Amino acid sequence: LKVRVVRSSPPSSQFKATFQESYQVYKRYQMVIHQDPPDKPTVHQVRLVPVSFEDPEFKSSFKQSAALFARYQMAVHKDAPSDCGETEFTRFLCDSPLEAENAPNGPDCGYGSFHQQYWLDGKIIAVGVIDILPYCVSSVYLYYDPDYSFLSLGVYSALR
């Protein structure tokens, strides 16, 4: 048995070289120990979208995200349909006091508010609303399709 300590942040060359192999071990562990289904969302099915009506990806997914939010709020929190419209969604999860900033020494995506969208079979099944700041990532809210609650997307999102 050989044990290596490999720097993950910032990613070292060893980390990058062994990422896929490590990920496969993780995925097998999750399936065997935690009974995760093999189609549980992966890194490739997660999109980080800036919260901006100027952003084409955000605009193109807005209706789908808002509809998912309404479905989640009504099923999980028993909200009335009138409390879950696009106006309420925008006020609660799209309007942010943070301004987008692309600092030269910051992350590629920049700083600001984002929707971390989890896609499966061409549709959004969960959205994590996050703020990326210079010294932390703040999880603001997570909502998901109640039909996919068996995937434990809240736990997955928190670990991610």
N, C-alpha and C. Protein backbone atom coordinates (compact mmCIF):
# COMPACT_ATOMS: atom_id res chain seq x y z
N LEU A 1 0.86 -1.18 0.00
CA LEU A 1 0.00 0.00 0.00
C LEU A 1 0.89 1.22 0.00
N LYS A 2 0.62 2.12 -0.93
CA LYS A 2 1.36 3.36 -1.01
C LYS A 2 0.35 4.50 -0.86
N VAL A 3 0.64 5.45 -0.01
CA VAL A 3 -0.26 6.58 0.23
C VAL A 3 0.45 7.85 -0.20
N ARG A 4 -0.25 8.67 -0.97
CA ARG A 4 0.30 9.95 -1.42
C ARG A 4 -0.62 11.07 -0.96
N VAL A 5 -0.02 12.17 -0.56
CA VAL A 5 -0.78 13.38 -0.30
C VAL A 5 -0.63 14.23 -1.56
N VAL A 6 -1.74 14.53 -2.19
CA VAL A 6 -1.74 15.24 -3.46
C VAL A 6 -2.53 16.54 -3.29
N ARG A 7 -1.89 17.65 -3.60
CA ARG A 7 -2.57 18.95 -3.45
C ARG A 7 -3.73 19.04 -4.43
N SER A 8 -4.92 19.36 -3.86
CA SER A 8 -6.10 19.48 -4.71
C SER A 8 -6.47 20.93 -5.00
N SER A 9 -6.01 21.84 -4.15
CA SER A 9 -6.34 23.24 -4.37
C SER A 9 -5.17 24.14 -3.98
N PRO A 10 -4.57 24.80 -4.92
CA PRO A 10 -4.83 24.68 -6.35
C PRO A 10 -4.38 23.32 -6.85
N PRO A 11 -5.03 22.80 -7.89
CA PRO A 11 -4.73 21.45 -8.37
C PRO A 11 -3.27 21.29 -8.82
N SER A 12 -2.61 20.31 -8.22
CA SER A 12 -1.23 20.02 -8.62
C SER A 12 -1.23 19.16 -9.87
N SER A 13 -0.09 18.99 -10.48
CA SER A 13 0.00 18.14 -11.67
C SER A 13 -0.36 16.69 -11.32
N GLN A 14 0.01 16.23 -10.13
CA GLN A 14 -0.36 14.87 -9.69
C GLN A 14 -1.88 14.73 -9.56
N PHE A 15 -2.50 15.76 -9.01
CA PHE A 15 -3.95 15.73 -8.86
C PHE A 15 -4.63 15.64 -10.23
N LYS A 16 -4.18 16.47 -11.14
CA LYS A 16 -4.75 16.47 -12.49
C LYS A 16 -4.52 15.13 -13.19
N ALA A 17 -3.33 14.57 -13.01
CA ALA A 17 -2.98 13.31 -13.68
C ALA A 17 -3.79 12.13 -13.15
N THR A 18 -4.23 12.19 -11.91
CA THR A 18 -4.94 11.06 -11.30
C THR A 18 -6.44 11.33 -11.09
N PHE A 19 -6.91 12.47 -11.58
CA PHE A 19 -8.30 12.87 -11.31
C PHE A 19 -9.30 11.82 -11.78
N GLN A 20 -9.23 11.39 -13.04
CA GLN A 20 -10.21 10.44 -13.57
C GLN A 20 -10.20 9.12 -12.80
N GLU A 21 -9.02 8.63 -12.49
CA GLU A 21 -8.91 7.38 -11.73
C GLU A 21 -9.52 7.55 -10.33
N SER A 22 -9.22 8.67 -9.68
CA SER A 22 -9.78 8.94 -8.35
C SER A 22 -11.30 9.07 -8.42
N TYR A 23 -11.77 9.73 -9.46
CA TYR A 23 -13.21 9.92 -9.62
C TYR A 23 -13.91 8.56 -9.79
N GLN A 24 -13.31 7.65 -10.55
CA GLN A 24 -13.92 6.33 -10.76
C GLN A 24 -14.00 5.55 -9.45
N VAL A 25 -12.98 5.66 -8.60
CA VAL A 25 -13.00 5.01 -7.29
C VAL A 25 -14.12 5.61 -6.44
N TYR A 26 -14.22 6.94 -6.46
CA TYR A 26 -15.27 7.64 -5.71
C TYR A 26 -16.65 7.19 -6.17
N LYS A 27 -16.85 7.15 -7.49
CA LYS A 27 -18.16 6.79 -8.03
C LYS A 27 -18.52 5.35 -7.65
N ARG A 28 -17.56 4.44 -7.75
CA ARG A 28 -17.83 3.05 -7.37
C ARG A 28 -18.17 2.95 -5.89
N TYR A 29 -17.41 3.67 -5.05
CA TYR A 29 -17.67 3.71 -3.61
C TYR A 29 -19.10 4.20 -3.35
N GLN A 30 -19.49 5.30 -3.98
CA GLN A 30 -20.82 5.85 -3.76
C GLN A 30 -21.91 4.85 -4.17
N MET A 31 -21.68 4.14 -5.26
CA MET A 31 -22.68 3.18 -5.73
C MET A 31 -22.77 1.97 -4.80
N VAL A 32 -21.64 1.46 -4.34
CA VAL A 32 -21.64 0.25 -3.51
C VAL A 32 -22.04 0.57 -2.07
N ILE A 33 -21.42 1.55 -1.48
CA ILE A 33 -21.65 1.85 -0.06
C ILE A 33 -22.94 2.63 0.17
N HIS A 34 -23.19 3.65 -0.66
CA HIS A 34 -24.34 4.52 -0.45
C HIS A 34 -25.51 4.23 -1.40
N GLN A 35 -25.36 3.19 -2.23
CA GLN A 35 -26.42 2.79 -3.15
C GLN A 35 -26.81 3.89 -4.13
N ASP A 36 -25.87 4.79 -4.46
CA ASP A 36 -26.15 5.82 -5.45
C ASP A 36 -26.42 5.18 -6.80
N PRO A 37 -27.40 5.68 -7.54
CA PRO A 37 -27.63 5.14 -8.88
C PRO A 37 -26.49 5.56 -9.81
N PRO A 38 -26.19 4.74 -10.82
CA PRO A 38 -25.07 5.05 -11.71
C PRO A 38 -25.28 6.35 -12.50
N ASP A 39 -26.53 6.79 -12.62
CA ASP A 39 -26.79 8.01 -13.39
C ASP A 39 -26.86 9.27 -12.52
N LYS A 40 -26.37 9.17 -11.28
CA LYS A 40 -26.33 10.36 -10.42
C LYS A 40 -25.53 11.43 -11.14
N PRO A 41 -25.96 12.68 -11.05
CA PRO A 41 -25.29 13.75 -11.80
C PRO A 41 -23.78 13.79 -11.57
N THR A 42 -23.06 14.10 -12.63
CA THR A 42 -21.61 14.19 -12.57
C THR A 42 -21.16 15.60 -12.89
N VAL A 43 -19.87 15.81 -12.79
CA VAL A 43 -19.28 17.11 -13.08
C VAL A 43 -19.69 17.59 -14.47
N HIS A 44 -19.78 16.68 -15.43
CA HIS A 44 -20.10 17.05 -16.81
C HIS A 44 -21.56 17.46 -16.99
N GLN A 45 -22.39 17.21 -15.99
CA GLN A 45 -23.79 17.55 -16.09
C GLN A 45 -24.13 18.77 -15.24
N VAL A 46 -23.12 19.48 -14.78
CA VAL A 46 -23.33 20.65 -13.94
C VAL A 46 -22.81 21.88 -14.69
N ARG A 47 -23.65 22.90 -14.78
CA ARG A 47 -23.27 24.13 -15.47
C ARG A 47 -23.32 25.29 -14.48
N LEU A 48 -22.29 26.11 -14.50
CA LEU A 48 -22.25 27.30 -13.68
C LEU A 48 -22.63 28.48 -14.56
N VAL A 49 -23.78 29.08 -14.26
CA VAL A 49 -24.32 30.14 -15.11
C VAL A 49 -24.41 31.43 -14.30
N PRO A 50 -23.80 32.52 -14.79
CA PRO A 50 -23.92 33.79 -14.07
C PRO A 50 -25.37 34.26 -14.02
N VAL A 51 -25.77 34.77 -12.87
CA VAL A 51 -27.14 35.28 -12.72
C VAL A 51 -27.18 36.67 -13.37
N SER A 52 -27.56 36.66 -14.64
CA SER A 52 -27.62 37.90 -15.40
C SER A 52 -28.54 37.70 -16.59
N PHE A 53 -29.51 38.58 -16.72
CA PHE A 53 -30.42 38.49 -17.85
C PHE A 53 -29.72 38.87 -19.15
N GLU A 54 -28.49 39.33 -19.05
CA GLU A 54 -27.67 39.63 -20.23
C GLU A 54 -26.97 38.36 -20.74
N ASP A 55 -26.86 37.35 -19.87
CA ASP A 55 -26.15 36.12 -20.22
C ASP A 55 -27.09 35.21 -21.01
N PRO A 56 -26.69 34.80 -22.24
CA PRO A 56 -27.59 33.99 -23.08
C PRO A 56 -27.96 32.64 -22.45
N GLU A 57 -27.02 32.01 -21.75
CA GLU A 57 -27.33 30.71 -21.14
C GLU A 57 -28.33 30.88 -19.99
N PHE A 58 -28.17 31.95 -19.21
CA PHE A 58 -29.11 32.23 -18.13
C PHE A 58 -30.50 32.51 -18.71
N LYS A 59 -30.55 33.38 -19.72
CA LYS A 59 -31.84 33.72 -20.34
C LYS A 59 -32.52 32.49 -20.93
N SER A 60 -31.74 31.63 -21.59
CA SER A 60 -32.35 30.48 -22.26
C SER A 60 -32.86 29.43 -21.27
N SER A 61 -32.34 29.43 -20.05
CA SER A 61 -32.78 28.44 -19.07
C SER A 61 -33.69 29.04 -17.99
N PHE A 62 -33.98 30.34 -18.08
CA PHE A 62 -34.75 31.02 -17.03
C PHE A 62 -36.12 30.38 -16.81
N LYS A 63 -36.89 30.19 -17.86
CA LYS A 63 -38.25 29.64 -17.73
C LYS A 63 -38.22 28.25 -17.08
N GLN A 64 -37.27 27.42 -17.53
CA GLN A 64 -37.16 26.07 -16.98
C GLN A 64 -36.78 26.12 -15.49
N SER A 65 -35.85 27.01 -15.14
CA SER A 65 -35.43 27.16 -13.74
C SER A 65 -36.58 27.67 -12.87
N ALA A 66 -37.30 28.67 -13.37
CA ALA A 66 -38.42 29.23 -12.61
C ALA A 66 -39.52 28.20 -12.41
N ALA A 67 -39.81 27.40 -13.42
CA ALA A 67 -40.84 26.35 -13.31
C ALA A 67 -40.41 25.28 -12.30
N LEU A 68 -39.14 24.93 -12.32
CA LEU A 68 -38.62 23.95 -11.37
C LEU A 68 -38.72 24.50 -9.95
N PHE A 69 -38.36 25.78 -9.77
CA PHE A 69 -38.46 26.43 -8.46
C PHE A 69 -39.90 26.34 -7.94
N ALA A 70 -40.87 26.66 -8.78
CA ALA A 70 -42.27 26.63 -8.36
C ALA A 70 -42.68 25.21 -7.96
N ARG A 71 -42.29 24.25 -8.75
CA ARG A 71 -42.62 22.85 -8.45
C ARG A 71 -42.03 22.43 -7.11
N TYR A 72 -40.76 22.78 -6.89
CA TYR A 72 -40.07 22.45 -5.64
C TYR A 72 -40.77 23.13 -4.45
N GLN A 73 -41.02 24.43 -4.55
CA GLN A 73 -41.61 25.17 -3.44
C GLN A 73 -42.98 24.61 -3.06
N MET A 74 -43.77 24.25 -4.07
CA MET A 74 -45.11 23.72 -3.79
C MET A 74 -45.05 22.32 -3.20
N ALA A 75 -44.15 21.47 -3.71
CA ALA A 75 -44.07 20.09 -3.23
C ALA A 75 -43.36 19.98 -1.88
N VAL A 76 -42.25 20.66 -1.73
CA VAL A 76 -41.44 20.50 -0.52
C VAL A 76 -41.87 21.44 0.60
N HIS A 77 -42.14 22.70 0.25
CA HIS A 77 -42.47 23.69 1.28
C HIS A 77 -43.96 24.02 1.35
N LYS A 78 -44.75 23.37 0.49
CA LYS A 78 -46.22 23.54 0.47
C LYS A 78 -46.64 25.00 0.22
N ASP A 79 -45.84 25.74 -0.55
CA ASP A 79 -46.19 27.11 -0.91
C ASP A 79 -47.36 27.12 -1.87
N ALA A 80 -48.12 28.17 -1.83
CA ALA A 80 -49.23 28.35 -2.77
C ALA A 80 -48.65 28.74 -4.14
N PRO A 81 -49.30 28.34 -5.23
CA PRO A 81 -48.81 28.70 -6.56
C PRO A 81 -48.58 30.20 -6.73
N SER A 82 -49.40 31.02 -6.08
CA SER A 82 -49.25 32.48 -6.21
C SER A 82 -47.97 32.99 -5.56
N ASP A 83 -47.36 32.18 -4.70
CA ASP A 83 -46.10 32.58 -4.04
C ASP A 83 -44.87 32.10 -4.80
N CYS A 84 -45.08 31.45 -5.94
CA CYS A 84 -43.96 30.81 -6.66
C CYS A 84 -43.85 31.26 -8.11
N GLY A 85 -44.37 32.40 -8.45
CA GLY A 85 -44.32 32.87 -9.83
C GLY A 85 -42.93 33.36 -10.21
N GLU A 86 -42.79 33.73 -11.48
CA GLU A 86 -41.50 34.22 -11.97
C GLU A 86 -41.04 35.48 -11.25
N THR A 87 -41.99 36.33 -10.85
CA THR A 87 -41.63 37.55 -10.12
C THR A 87 -41.01 37.20 -8.78
N GLU A 88 -41.63 36.28 -8.05
CA GLU A 88 -41.11 35.85 -6.74
C GLU A 88 -39.76 35.14 -6.91
N PHE A 89 -39.66 34.30 -7.93
CA PHE A 89 -38.41 33.61 -8.22
C PHE A 89 -37.29 34.61 -8.49
N THR A 90 -37.58 35.60 -9.32
CA THR A 90 -36.57 36.61 -9.66
C THR A 90 -36.15 37.40 -8.43
N ARG A 91 -37.12 37.82 -7.64
CA ARG A 91 -36.83 38.60 -6.44
C ARG A 91 -35.99 37.78 -5.45
N PHE A 92 -36.35 36.51 -5.25
CA PHE A 92 -35.71 35.67 -4.25
C PHE A 92 -34.35 35.14 -4.70
N LEU A 93 -34.23 34.70 -5.96
CA LEU A 93 -33.03 33.97 -6.35
C LEU A 93 -32.26 34.53 -7.55
N CYS A 94 -32.73 35.62 -8.12
CA CYS A 94 -32.01 36.20 -9.27
C CYS A 94 -31.48 37.59 -8.97
N ASP A 95 -32.24 38.39 -8.22
CA ASP A 95 -31.78 39.73 -7.87
C ASP A 95 -30.74 39.59 -6.76
N SER A 96 -29.57 40.13 -6.99
CA SER A 96 -28.48 40.03 -6.02
C SER A 96 -27.80 41.38 -5.88
N PRO A 97 -27.39 41.73 -4.66
CA PRO A 97 -26.66 42.98 -4.49
C PRO A 97 -25.20 42.87 -4.97
N LEU A 98 -24.74 41.64 -5.24
CA LEU A 98 -23.36 41.46 -5.69
C LEU A 98 -23.20 41.89 -7.14
N GLU A 99 -22.11 42.55 -7.42
CA GLU A 99 -21.79 42.90 -8.79
C GLU A 99 -20.78 41.90 -9.33
N ALA A 100 -20.96 41.52 -10.58
CA ALA A 100 -20.02 40.60 -11.22
C ALA A 100 -18.65 41.28 -11.34
N GLU A 101 -17.61 40.52 -11.08
CA GLU A 101 -16.26 41.06 -11.19
C GLU A 101 -15.33 39.96 -11.71
N ASN A 102 -14.50 40.31 -12.66
CA ASN A 102 -13.51 39.37 -13.18
C ASN A 102 -12.13 39.89 -12.82
N ALA A 103 -11.67 39.52 -11.63
CA ALA A 103 -10.35 39.94 -11.16
C ALA A 103 -9.28 39.11 -11.86
N PRO A 104 -8.14 39.72 -12.19
CA PRO A 104 -7.09 38.98 -12.89
C PRO A 104 -6.57 37.77 -12.10
N ASN A 105 -6.59 37.82 -10.79
CA ASN A 105 -6.12 36.69 -10.00
C ASN A 105 -7.27 35.86 -9.43
N GLY A 106 -8.48 36.09 -9.92
CA GLY A 106 -9.65 35.36 -9.43
C GLY A 106 -9.95 34.13 -10.28
N PRO A 107 -11.05 33.46 -9.96
CA PRO A 107 -11.43 32.26 -10.73
C PRO A 107 -11.83 32.62 -12.15
N ASP A 108 -11.73 31.66 -13.06
CA ASP A 108 -12.08 31.89 -14.47
C ASP A 108 -13.50 32.42 -14.63
N CYS A 109 -14.42 31.95 -13.81
CA CYS A 109 -15.82 32.37 -13.92
C CYS A 109 -16.04 33.77 -13.35
N GLY A 110 -15.10 34.26 -12.58
CA GLY A 110 -15.24 35.56 -11.94
C GLY A 110 -15.94 35.44 -10.60
N TYR A 111 -16.18 36.59 -9.97
CA TYR A 111 -16.89 36.64 -8.69
C TYR A 111 -18.31 37.13 -8.96
N GLY A 112 -19.23 36.75 -8.09
CA GLY A 112 -20.60 37.20 -8.22
C GLY A 112 -21.59 36.10 -7.87
N SER A 113 -22.82 36.27 -8.31
CA SER A 113 -23.89 35.30 -8.06
C SER A 113 -24.05 34.39 -9.27
N PHE A 114 -24.26 33.11 -8.99
CA PHE A 114 -24.36 32.10 -10.04
C PHE A 114 -25.49 31.12 -9.73
N HIS A 115 -26.01 30.53 -10.79
CA HIS A 115 -26.89 29.38 -10.66
C HIS A 115 -26.10 28.18 -11.14
N GLN A 116 -25.90 27.22 -10.25
CA GLN A 116 -25.19 25.99 -10.58
C GLN A 116 -26.27 24.99 -10.98
N GLN A 117 -26.41 24.79 -12.28
CA GLN A 117 -27.51 23.98 -12.81
C GLN A 117 -27.09 22.53 -12.99
N TYR A 118 -27.92 21.62 -12.52
CA TYR A 118 -27.68 20.19 -12.64
C TYR A 118 -28.62 19.66 -13.73
N TRP A 119 -28.04 19.19 -14.82
CA TRP A 119 -28.81 18.75 -15.99
C TRP A 119 -28.77 17.23 -16.09
N LEU A 120 -29.90 16.65 -16.48
CA LEU A 120 -29.98 15.22 -16.72
C LEU A 120 -30.95 15.01 -17.88
N ASP A 121 -30.52 14.30 -18.89
CA ASP A 121 -31.35 14.02 -20.06
C ASP A 121 -31.96 15.29 -20.66
N GLY A 122 -31.15 16.34 -20.74
CA GLY A 122 -31.57 17.57 -21.41
C GLY A 122 -32.47 18.49 -20.60
N LYS A 123 -32.66 18.20 -19.30
CA LYS A 123 -33.48 19.11 -18.50
C LYS A 123 -32.80 19.38 -17.17
N ILE A 124 -33.12 20.54 -16.61
CA ILE A 124 -32.57 20.91 -15.31
C ILE A 124 -33.31 20.15 -14.23
N ILE A 125 -32.57 19.45 -13.37
CA ILE A 125 -33.21 18.71 -12.27
C ILE A 125 -32.91 19.34 -10.91
N ALA A 126 -31.96 20.28 -10.86
CA ALA A 126 -31.67 20.99 -9.61
C ALA A 126 -30.89 22.25 -9.94
N VAL A 127 -31.00 23.23 -9.05
CA VAL A 127 -30.24 24.47 -9.19
C VAL A 127 -29.73 24.87 -7.81
N GLY A 128 -28.42 25.05 -7.72
CA GLY A 128 -27.82 25.59 -6.51
C GLY A 128 -27.51 27.05 -6.76
N VAL A 129 -28.07 27.92 -5.95
CA VAL A 129 -27.80 29.35 -6.08
C VAL A 129 -26.61 29.65 -5.18
N ILE A 130 -25.50 30.11 -5.78
CA ILE A 130 -24.28 30.32 -5.01
C ILE A 130 -23.68 31.69 -5.31
N ASP A 131 -22.96 32.20 -4.33
CA ASP A 131 -22.18 33.42 -4.50
C ASP A 131 -20.72 33.01 -4.43
N ILE A 132 -19.95 33.37 -5.45
CA ILE A 132 -18.51 33.11 -5.44
C ILE A 132 -17.83 34.41 -5.06
N LEU A 133 -17.12 34.38 -3.94
CA LEU A 133 -16.47 35.55 -3.38
C LEU A 133 -14.96 35.30 -3.29
N PRO A 134 -14.17 36.32 -3.04
CA PRO A 134 -12.71 36.13 -3.03
C PRO A 134 -12.20 35.06 -2.06
N TYR A 135 -12.85 34.87 -0.91
CA TYR A 135 -12.34 33.92 0.06
C TYR A 135 -13.30 32.81 0.42
N CYS A 136 -14.41 32.70 -0.30
CA CYS A 136 -15.36 31.64 0.02
C CYS A 136 -16.38 31.48 -1.10
N VAL A 137 -17.10 30.38 -1.02
CA VAL A 137 -18.28 30.17 -1.85
C VAL A 137 -19.44 30.05 -0.87
N SER A 138 -20.48 30.84 -1.09
CA SER A 138 -21.62 30.84 -0.20
C SER A 138 -22.81 30.18 -0.89
N SER A 139 -23.34 29.14 -0.27
CA SER A 139 -24.52 28.48 -0.80
C SER A 139 -25.74 29.25 -0.33
N VAL A 140 -26.47 29.84 -1.26
CA VAL A 140 -27.63 30.67 -0.93
C VAL A 140 -28.88 29.81 -0.81
N TYR A 141 -29.10 28.93 -1.78
CA TYR A 141 -30.33 28.13 -1.80
C TYR A 141 -30.14 26.99 -2.79
N LEU A 142 -30.85 25.89 -2.58
CA LEU A 142 -30.86 24.79 -3.54
C LEU A 142 -32.30 24.36 -3.72
N TYR A 143 -32.71 24.18 -4.95
CA TYR A 143 -34.02 23.60 -5.22
C TYR A 143 -33.84 22.52 -6.28
N TYR A 144 -34.74 21.52 -6.24
CA TYR A 144 -34.59 20.36 -7.13
C TYR A 144 -35.96 19.81 -7.51
N ASP A 145 -35.95 19.00 -8.54
CA ASP A 145 -37.16 18.32 -8.98
C ASP A 145 -37.47 17.24 -7.93
N PRO A 146 -38.63 17.31 -7.28
CA PRO A 146 -38.96 16.32 -6.25
C PRO A 146 -38.92 14.88 -6.75
N ASP A 147 -39.09 14.65 -8.05
CA ASP A 147 -39.01 13.29 -8.60
C ASP A 147 -37.60 12.71 -8.48
N TYR A 148 -36.60 13.57 -8.27
CA TYR A 148 -35.22 13.12 -8.18
C TYR A 148 -34.68 13.23 -6.75
N SER A 149 -35.55 13.26 -5.76
CA SER A 149 -35.09 13.38 -4.38
C SER A 149 -34.23 12.18 -3.97
N PHE A 150 -34.43 11.03 -4.60
CA PHE A 150 -33.64 9.84 -4.28
C PHE A 150 -32.16 10.02 -4.61
N LEU A 151 -31.81 11.03 -5.41
CA LEU A 151 -30.41 11.29 -5.74
C LEU A 151 -29.68 12.09 -4.66
N SER A 152 -30.39 12.55 -3.65
CA SER A 152 -29.80 13.35 -2.56
C SER A 152 -29.01 14.53 -3.12
N LEU A 153 -29.65 15.29 -3.98
CA LEU A 153 -28.96 16.39 -4.66
C LEU A 153 -28.51 17.48 -3.72
N GLY A 154 -29.19 17.68 -2.59
CA GLY A 154 -28.74 18.66 -1.60
C GLY A 154 -27.39 18.26 -1.02
N VAL A 155 -27.25 17.00 -0.67
CA VAL A 155 -25.99 16.49 -0.14
C VAL A 155 -24.90 16.57 -1.22
N TYR A 156 -25.24 16.14 -2.41
CA TYR A 156 -24.27 16.18 -3.52
C TYR A 156 -23.80 17.60 -3.77
N SER A 157 -24.74 18.54 -3.78
CA SER A 157 -24.40 19.95 -4.02
C SER A 157 -23.49 20.49 -2.93
N ALA A 158 -23.81 20.18 -1.68
CA ALA A 158 -22.99 20.67 -0.55
C ALA A 158 -21.57 20.12 -0.63
N LEU A 159 -21.44 18.87 -0.98
CA LEU A 159 -20.10 18.27 -1.10
C LEU A 159 -19.35 18.83 -2.29
N ARG A 160 -20.06 19.09 -3.36
CA ARG A 160 -19.44 19.63 -4.57
C ARG A 160 -18.91 21.02 -4.30
